[in-house]
Protein backbone atom coordinates (compact mmCIF):
# COMPACT_ATOMS: atom_id res chain seq x y z
CA MET A 1 0.22 0.34 -0.18
CA MET A 2 1.37 3.31 -0.57
CA TYR A 3 -0.10 5.64 1.91
CA ASN A 4 -0.39 9.42 0.99
CA VAL A 5 -0.92 12.51 3.34
CA ILE A 6 -0.65 15.08 0.85
CA SER A 7 -4.16 15.82 -1.41
CA ALA A 8 -5.67 14.17 -4.18
CA THR A 9 -5.94 17.46 -5.56
CA CYS A 10 -2.62 17.64 -5.92
CA ILE A 11 -1.64 13.92 -6.44
CA ALA A 12 -3.79 14.05 -9.76
CA HIS A 13 -2.38 17.56 -10.87
CA ASP A 14 0.98 16.62 -11.22
CA LEU A 15 1.77 12.97 -10.24
CA VAL A 16 -0.25 11.29 -12.71
CA PRO A 17 2.08 10.67 -16.37
CA GLY A 18 0.59 13.13 -19.08
CA GLY A 19 1.38 16.29 -17.56
CA GLY A 20 4.36 18.70 -17.90
CA PHE A 21 5.77 20.94 -14.52
CA GLY A 22 2.76 23.10 -13.04
CA VAL A 23 0.93 21.48 -15.92
CA PRO A 24 -1.66 19.56 -15.26
CA PRO A 25 -2.60 15.69 -17.11
CA PRO A 26 -5.45 15.55 -19.99
CA GLY A 27 -8.73 14.73 -18.19
CA TYR A 28 -7.91 16.81 -15.31
CA PRO A 29 -11.32 16.77 -13.38
CA SER A 30 -10.94 20.63 -12.87
CA SER A 31 -10.67 24.17 -14.64
CA LYS A 32 -10.55 26.23 -11.20
CA LEU A 33 -7.04 24.02 -9.28
CA LEU A 34 -4.66 25.79 -11.68
CA PHE A 35 -1.23 27.45 -11.04
CA ARG A 36 -1.54 31.23 -11.91
CA ARG A 37 1.19 33.99 -12.40
CA HIS A 38 1.45 35.08 -9.45
CA ASP A 39 2.57 31.40 -7.95
CA ALA A 40 5.92 31.45 -9.41
CA HIS A 41 7.29 32.06 -6.05
CA ALA A 42 5.97 28.42 -4.92
CA MET A 43 6.72 27.06 -8.44
CA VAL A 44 10.52 27.53 -7.72
CA SER A 45 10.84 25.80 -4.41
CA PHE A 46 9.21 22.93 -6.23
CA SER A 47 11.33 22.94 -9.22
CA VAL A 48 14.34 22.01 -7.20
CA TYR A 49 13.68 18.48 -6.43
CA TYR A 50 10.51 18.07 -8.64
CA LYS A 51 12.20 15.14 -10.78
CA ARG A 52 13.31 13.70 -8.27
CA PHE A 53 10.47 13.65 -6.61
CA TYR A 54 8.54 12.57 -9.55
CA ASP A 55 10.16 10.09 -10.64
CA ARG A 56 9.68 8.31 -7.09
CA PHE A 57 6.57 8.94 -6.23
CA THR A 58 4.91 7.68 -9.93
CA THR A 59 7.25 4.53 -9.59
CA SER A 60 5.75 3.77 -6.07
CA LEU A 61 2.12 4.37 -7.21
CA ARG A 62 3.16 2.22 -10.00
CA ASN A 63 4.26 -0.54 -8.28
CA CYS A 64 1.77 -0.33 -5.12
CA ASP A 65 -0.67 -3.34 -4.86
CA PHE A 66 -3.59 -0.14 -4.15
CA ILE A 67 -3.31 3.50 -3.32
CA SER A 68 -4.48 5.22 -0.15
CA ILE A 69 -5.02 8.91 0.93
CA ARG A 70 -5.91 10.80 3.69
CA THR A 71 -8.87 12.33 2.49
CA CYS A 72 -12.57 11.95 2.05
CA GLU A 73 -14.81 11.42 -1.06
CA GLU A 74 -17.31 14.49 0.44
CA ILE A 75 -13.89 16.58 -0.22
CA GLU A 76 -11.70 15.22 -3.25
CA GLY A 77 -13.85 12.11 -4.40
CA LYS A 78 -13.37 13.18 -8.35
CA PHE A 79 -9.90 13.45 -8.05
CA CYS A 80 -9.40 10.05 -6.72
CA ASP A 81 -11.21 8.85 -9.00
CA TYR A 82 -9.28 10.42 -11.85
CA ILE A 83 -5.99 9.09 -9.89
CA GLY A 84 -7.53 5.45 -9.77
CA SER A 85 -8.36 5.39 -13.19
CA HIS A 86 -4.65 6.55 -13.92
CA TYR A 87 -3.31 4.20 -12.28
CA GLN A 88 -5.68 1.22 -12.58
CA LYS A 89 -5.62 0.70 -8.42
CA ASN A 90 -8.00 0.69 -5.94
CA VAL A 91 -7.86 4.35 -3.53
CA LEU A 92 -8.95 3.60 -0.53
CA LEU A 93 -9.67 6.05 1.65
CA THR A 94 -9.21 6.93 5.25
CA GLY A 95 -10.66 9.96 6.05
CA PRO A 96 -8.99 13.30 7.17
CA MET A 97 -7.40 11.52 10.32
CA LEU A 98 -7.67 14.15 12.85
CA PRO A 99 -7.80 12.79 16.27
CA GLU A 100 -10.29 14.55 18.90
CA LEU A 101 -10.09 17.22 20.93
CA ASP A 102 -7.97 16.57 24.01
CA ARG A 103 -10.53 17.93 26.58
CA SER A 104 -7.97 16.84 29.68
CA GLN A 105 -5.97 19.24 28.36
CA PRO A 106 -7.22 22.37 27.87
CA LEU A 107 -6.01 25.48 26.39
CA GLY A 108 -3.29 26.75 28.39
CA ASP A 109 -4.06 29.23 30.88
CA LYS A 110 -2.20 32.00 29.24
CA TRP A 111 -3.97 32.11 26.21
CA ASN A 112 -7.22 31.51 27.28
CA HIS A 113 -7.37 34.02 29.38
CA TRP A 114 -5.61 36.70 26.61
CA LEU A 115 -8.48 34.87 24.36
CA SER A 116 -11.24 35.37 26.85
CA GLY A 117 -10.63 39.14 26.56
CA PHE A 118 -12.10 39.49 23.69
CA GLY A 119 -16.04 39.06 21.90
CA PRO A 120 -17.31 35.45 20.60
CA GLY A 121 -15.96 35.07 17.09
CA SER A 122 -13.75 38.59 16.84
CA VAL A 123 -10.28 37.47 17.05
CA VAL A 124 -8.02 36.44 14.02
CA TYR A 125 -5.83 33.66 14.11
CA CYS A 126 -2.77 33.46 12.04
CA ALA A 127 -0.39 30.55 11.65
CA LEU A 128 1.90 29.41 8.43
CA GLY A 129 2.95 26.06 9.83
CA SER A 130 6.17 25.01 10.79
CA GLN A 131 7.43 24.59 6.99
CA VAL A 132 7.65 28.14 6.17
CA THR A 133 9.86 30.56 7.17
CA LEU A 134 9.12 33.67 6.01
CA GLU A 135 12.10 36.67 4.89
CA ARG A 136 12.00 39.78 7.38
CA ASP A 137 10.57 42.01 4.92
CA GLN A 138 7.64 39.26 4.44
CA PHE A 139 7.69 38.78 8.52
CA GLN A 140 6.85 42.65 8.85
CA GLU A 141 4.33 42.81 6.15
CA LEU A 142 2.35 39.94 7.71
CA CYS A 143 2.17 41.87 11.25
CA LEU A 144 1.43 45.18 9.29
CA GLY A 145 -1.55 44.15 7.58
CA MET A 146 -2.50 41.83 10.59
CA GLU A 147 -2.13 44.98 12.84
CA LEU A 148 -4.31 47.03 9.94
CA THR A 149 -7.34 45.06 9.93
CA GLY A 150 -8.00 46.52 13.55
CA LEU A 151 -8.98 43.64 14.95
CA PRO A 152 -7.48 41.59 17.99
CA PHE A 153 -4.88 38.76 16.30
CA PHE A 154 -2.56 35.93 17.44
CA VAL A 155 -0.05 35.23 15.00
CA ALA A 156 1.90 31.99 15.85
CA VAL A 157 4.93 31.73 12.99
CA THR A 158 8.84 30.92 13.68
CA PRO A 159 11.19 33.51 13.61
CA PRO A 160 12.40 35.19 10.51
CA ARG A 161 15.27 34.27 8.50
CA GLY A 162 18.22 35.70 10.11
CA ALA A 163 16.69 36.83 13.39
CA LYS A 164 16.68 34.36 16.44
CA THR A 165 13.80 36.02 18.31
CA ILE A 166 10.65 37.59 17.19
CA GLN A 167 10.42 40.32 19.03
CA GLU A 168 13.76 41.57 17.20
CA ALA A 169 12.44 41.16 13.91
CA LEU A 170 8.74 42.98 14.63
CA PRO A 171 8.19 46.47 12.95
CA GLU A 172 9.32 49.58 14.14
CA GLY A 173 6.59 50.74 17.05
CA PHE A 174 4.56 47.66 16.30
CA GLU A 175 4.39 46.11 19.64
CA GLU A 176 3.56 49.69 21.15
CA ARG A 177 0.80 49.94 18.74
CA VAL A 178 -0.84 46.77 18.98
CA LYS A 179 -0.62 46.17 23.13
CA GLY A 180 -3.78 44.42 24.55
CA ARG A 181 -5.68 43.63 21.33
CA GLY A 182 -2.07 41.87 18.95
CA ILE A 183 0.38 39.01 20.08
CA VAL A 184 3.00 37.43 17.23
CA TRP A 185 4.26 34.07 19.11
CA GLY A 186 7.52 32.56 17.64
CA GLU A 187 6.87 28.93 19.95
CA TRP A 188 4.55 25.92 19.72
CA VAL A 189 0.79 26.23 20.33
CA GLN A 190 -2.01 24.01 20.81
CA GLN A 191 -3.17 24.71 17.42
CA PRO A 192 -6.66 22.70 17.33
CA LEU A 193 -8.00 24.49 20.42
CA ILE A 194 -7.25 28.00 19.88
CA LEU A 195 -9.29 27.49 16.56
CA ALA A 196 -12.11 25.84 18.97
CA HIS A 197 -12.40 28.75 21.54
CA PRO A 198 -15.49 31.15 20.68
CA SER A 199 -13.52 34.51 20.18
CA VAL A 200 -11.60 33.23 17.27
CA GLY A 201 -13.43 33.71 14.17
CA CYS A 202 -10.66 33.89 11.55
CA PHE A 203 -8.07 31.68 10.70
CA VAL A 204 -5.38 32.59 8.49
CA SER A 205 -3.50 30.04 7.03
CA HIS A 206 -0.87 28.41 4.43
CA CYS A 207 -3.14 25.40 3.50
CA GLY A 208 -0.77 23.16 4.36
CA PHE A 209 -3.15 19.82 4.31
CA GLY A 210 -3.45 18.88 7.99
CA SER A 211 -4.26 22.63 8.56
CA MET A 212 -7.19 22.79 5.40
CA TRP A 213 -8.83 20.08 7.30
CA GLU A 214 -8.37 21.94 10.79
CA SER A 215 -9.85 24.64 8.98
CA LEU A 216 -12.76 23.07 7.52
CA MET A 217 -13.47 21.34 10.79
CA SER A 218 -13.82 24.85 12.95
CA ASP A 219 -16.29 27.49 12.58
CA CYS A 220 -14.02 30.31 11.26
CA GLN A 221 -14.08 32.32 8.29
CA ILE A 222 -10.57 31.05 6.30
CA VAL A 223 -8.36 33.07 4.61
CA LEU A 224 -5.72 31.37 2.65
CA ILE A 225 -1.66 32.48 2.06
CA PRO A 226 -0.21 29.82 -0.09
CA TYR A 227 3.39 29.41 0.39
CA LEU A 228 4.56 25.93 -1.30
CA ALA A 229 3.23 24.54 -4.56
CA ASP A 230 1.02 21.90 -2.57
CA GLN A 231 -0.60 24.55 -0.79
CA VAL A 232 -1.12 26.79 -3.56
CA LEU A 233 -3.52 23.90 -4.75
CA ASN A 234 -5.06 23.18 -1.79
CA THR A 235 -6.30 27.20 -1.49
CA ARG A 236 -7.59 26.84 -4.91
CA LEU A 237 -9.60 23.69 -3.88
CA LEU A 238 -11.27 25.74 -1.02
CA THR A 239 -11.29 29.28 -2.98
CA ASP A 240 -12.14 28.47 -6.15
CA GLU A 241 -14.02 24.67 -6.30
CA LEU A 242 -15.61 24.81 -2.71
CA GLU A 243 -16.22 28.29 -2.32
CA VAL A 244 -15.21 28.00 1.55
CA ALA A 245 -12.22 31.14 1.61
CA VAL A 246 -10.73 34.01 0.42
CA GLU A 247 -7.33 34.08 -0.82
CA VAL A 248 -5.11 36.90 -0.44
CA GLN A 249 -4.71 38.57 -3.37
CA ARG A 250 -0.83 38.65 -4.29
CA GLU A 251 1.54 41.81 -5.59
CA LYS A 252 4.10 41.99 -8.75
CA THR A 253 6.57 40.81 -6.49
CA GLU A 254 5.00 37.54 -5.63
CA TRP A 255 3.72 38.01 -1.64
CA PHE A 256 1.28 40.42 -0.86
CA SER A 257 0.93 43.70 0.89
CA LYS A 258 0.12 44.48 4.57
CA GLU A 259 -3.23 46.58 2.31
CA ASN A 260 -4.55 42.95 1.02
CA LEU A 261 -3.95 41.10 4.09
CA SER A 262 -6.21 43.59 5.49
CA VAL A 263 -8.66 43.36 2.48
CA ALA A 264 -9.11 39.94 2.67
CA VAL A 265 -9.26 39.44 6.45
CA ASN A 266 -12.20 42.38 6.73
CA SER A 267 -13.73 40.92 3.68
CA VAL A 268 -14.80 38.12 5.81
CA MET A 269 -15.03 39.39 9.53
CA ASN A 270 -17.25 42.18 8.12
CA LYS A 271 -20.94 41.10 9.27
CA ASP A 272 -22.11 43.35 6.12
CA SER A 273 -19.71 41.49 3.33
CA GLU A 274 -21.36 39.45 0.93
CA ILE A 275 -18.44 37.61 0.40
CA GLY A 276 -18.09 36.91 4.13
CA ARG A 277 -21.85 35.19 3.94
CA GLN A 278 -21.89 33.21 1.02
CA VAL A 279 -18.38 31.24 1.94
CA LYS A 280 -19.77 30.80 5.75
CA LYS A 281 -23.09 29.57 4.47
CA ASN A 282 -21.12 27.47 2.69
CA HIS A 283 -18.39 26.31 4.82
CA SER A 284 -21.15 25.60 7.15
CA LYS A 285 -23.03 23.02 5.34
CA LEU A 286 -19.66 21.74 3.97
CA LYS A 287 -18.71 20.95 7.82
CA GLU A 288 -22.19 19.81 8.79
CA LEU A 289 -21.82 17.29 5.90
CA VAL A 290 -18.00 16.06 7.17
CA VAL A 291 -18.91 15.99 10.83
CA SER A 292 -22.32 14.29 9.89
CA PRO A 293 -22.70 11.17 12.91
CA GLY A 294 -20.64 8.11 11.22
CA LEU A 295 -19.27 9.59 8.46
CA LEU A 296 -15.73 10.44 9.40
CA THR A 297 -15.49 6.64 11.63
CA GLY A 298 -17.05 4.85 8.56
CA TYR A 299 -13.94 5.72 6.62
CA THR A 300 -11.67 4.50 9.18
CA ASP A 301 -13.27 1.30 9.71
CA LYS A 302 -14.01 0.73 6.02
CA PHE A 303 -10.48 0.79 5.37
CA VAL A 304 -9.71 -1.15 7.86
CA GLU A 305 -12.38 -3.73 7.37
CA THR A 306 -10.75 -3.98 3.79
CA LEU A 307 -7.45 -4.29 4.56
CA GLU A 308 -8.75 -7.46 6.67
CA ASN A 309 -9.85 -8.43 3.74
CA LEU A 310 -7.20 -8.22 1.40
CA LEU A 311 -5.22 -10.08 4.02
CA LYS A 312 -7.80 -12.89 4.22
CA ASP A 313 -7.91 -13.13 0.48
CA THR A 314 -4.16 -13.20 -0.46
CA LYS A 315 -3.76 -16.03 2.79
CA LEU A 316 -6.42 -18.08 0.71
CA ALA A 317 -4.42 -17.54 -2.10
CA SER A 318 -1.18 -18.68 -1.07
CA THR A 319 -3.08 -21.52 0.56
CA LEU A 320 -4.51 -22.77 -2.66
CA THR A 321 -1.14 -22.22 -4.74
């Protein structure tokens, strides 16, 4: 079995024979989930190891007995079918495999107390994952964009390149200006518990596959800043295909401005925003479907049952021969 923890969307786009680097193969089941001109930053980072990665990955897909993906039919069904048809293999789905919230270890008092000082759904939480390390100017633009929203915010990112701590890289005067309503933190945080806090109303994310699922399973509005190639396609899945999120517009520099970040956040957080109402409605419907009783555990149960039956069939075949 080849078990995949990247999205079916990405596998179908970049790891099915017949396409090219950044170009989907014939019959790719979406005209929306594509790379665009301003995604060059992500493509450059991927191009360094793409051929080696492609060769190893497609060799595994061709030679395994069956393919398994950490996803579900309701989100990526047509991409899973496309992969299976090209490789002539069964594609088994496990569901997102997210752990349940551990209520025995609640959110730490420090963050729980701080978040509880704000109204329901008013705080913007931003995290870009452990793989993303920003340049100093990118980090500062991110901080200034969060400040410009006028909303309370909690940013959890690693220190930018060349900085040992978050504090030494912050924009001049930033801490004083946002004191009491904004935090930038450079260490690990309990992300699922923060997203579940009633004061958090927006998740600004890089749209890595794990964070993508966490955002879908939350009640937060979703704003996306993809950084790596797979994150770009995950983002287009949520913004263009499922229409449950908005993407921050890029500048010609291929990064975003503080103004564009602020506009994106306020477009979903403003109660009078049509975009905000629409993505919230779509997100609520999708979440209700995905968390419906028995759906996610059903994927796991079916996956295990299928493995057991395959093993029995293999043993039976060995006995008969």
